[in-house]
Amino acid sequence: MGSPLSRFSVTVDDGHLAELDSVASALRDSGMEVERVLGALGVITGQAPADARPSLLAVPGVTSVDEQLRVSLPPPDASVQ
């Protein structure tokens, strides 16, 4: 069985913003399941195996690959210790 999936936000450099779809395609080829391409922000979000981060970083035009962390808070009526 492969590595568990993690959620990532990929930032694309300014020089590749016009080629965002090509960068997204290269990320798919590197194992990422692309969920959203946020053109105005130059960010692509999706999920990939946790160990795929180095191959995602190697895609031309990618400046960073950040794992999206989940935070949960107890409901307002929960007792807090």
Protein backbone atom coordinates (compact mmCIF):
# COMPACT_ATOMS: atom_id res chain seq x y z
CA MET A 1 0.00 0.00 0.00
CA GLY A 2 1.28 3.52 -0.83
CA SER A 3 1.85 6.53 1.32
CA PRO A 4 -1.26 8.14 2.87
CA LEU A 5 -2.66 11.16 1.04
CA SER A 6 -1.93 14.66 2.27
CA ARG A 7 -3.53 17.93 1.16
CA PHE A 8 -1.17 20.45 -0.42
CA SER A 9 -1.19 24.06 -1.57
CA VAL A 10 1.27 24.68 -4.39
CA THR A 11 2.46 28.23 -5.13
CA VAL A 12 3.44 29.03 -8.71
CA ASP A 13 6.03 31.69 -9.51
CA ASP A 14 5.06 34.89 -11.35
CA GLY A 15 6.87 33.80 -14.51
CA HIS A 16 4.60 30.77 -14.90
CA LEU A 17 1.22 32.32 -14.09
CA ALA A 18 0.30 32.42 -17.78
CA GLU A 19 1.05 28.68 -17.93
CA LEU A 20 -0.93 27.67 -14.83
CA ASP A 21 -2.80 24.90 -16.65
CA SER A 22 0.51 23.39 -17.83
CA VAL A 23 1.88 23.51 -14.28
CA ALA A 24 -1.30 21.83 -13.01
CA SER A 25 -0.88 19.13 -15.67
CA ALA A 26 2.74 18.56 -14.64
CA LEU A 27 1.62 18.28 -11.00
CA ARG A 28 -0.91 15.63 -12.04
CA ASP A 29 1.88 13.76 -13.84
CA SER A 30 3.88 13.92 -10.58
CA GLY A 31 1.10 12.22 -8.61
CA MET A 32 -1.07 15.11 -7.41
CA GLU A 33 -4.85 14.97 -7.67
CA VAL A 34 -5.51 18.62 -8.54
CA GLU A 35 -8.71 19.94 -6.99
CA ARG A 36 -8.55 23.69 -7.61
CA VAL A 37 -6.53 26.04 -9.79
CA LEU A 38 -6.73 29.53 -8.29
CA GLY A 39 -5.40 31.62 -11.16
CA ALA A 40 -5.76 35.02 -9.47
CA LEU A 41 -3.62 33.77 -6.57
CA GLY A 42 -1.19 31.57 -8.47
CA VAL A 43 -2.08 28.64 -6.20
CA ILE A 44 -3.03 25.06 -7.04
CA THR A 45 -4.58 22.86 -4.36
CA GLY A 46 -5.07 19.13 -4.20
CA GLN A 47 -3.90 15.94 -2.60
CA ALA A 48 -1.01 13.60 -3.18
CA PRO A 49 0.88 10.93 -1.29
CA ALA A 50 2.78 12.49 1.60
CA ASP A 51 6.09 11.34 0.12
CA ALA A 52 5.38 13.05 -3.25
CA ARG A 53 6.36 16.51 -1.97
CA PRO A 54 9.91 16.44 -3.46
CA SER A 55 8.58 15.51 -6.92
CA LEU A 56 5.95 18.27 -6.73
CA LEU A 57 8.67 20.79 -5.80
CA ALA A 58 10.66 19.69 -8.85
CA VAL A 59 7.91 20.80 -11.28
CA PRO A 60 9.06 23.87 -13.25
CA GLY A 61 7.30 27.00 -12.01
CA VAL A 62 6.59 25.68 -8.51
CA THR A 63 8.04 27.86 -5.75
CA SER A 64 6.58 26.08 -2.71
CA VAL A 65 4.55 23.05 -1.69
CA ASP A 66 2.87 23.46 1.68
CA GLU A 67 0.88 20.83 3.51
CA GLN A 68 -2.58 22.01 4.50
CA LEU A 69 -3.03 21.35 8.20
CA ARG A 70 -6.42 20.70 9.79
CA VAL A 71 -7.41 22.29 13.05
CA SER A 72 -10.55 21.44 14.93
CA LEU A 73 -12.02 23.10 17.96
CA PRO A 74 -14.56 21.64 20.35
CA PRO A 75 -18.13 22.91 20.03
CA PRO A 76 -19.03 25.97 22.10
CA ASP A 77 -21.01 23.92 24.62
CA ALA A 78 -18.22 21.38 25.25
CA SER A 79 -16.49 21.32 28.59
CA VAL A 80 -12.92 22.52 28.20
CA GLN A 81 -10.34 21.18 30.58
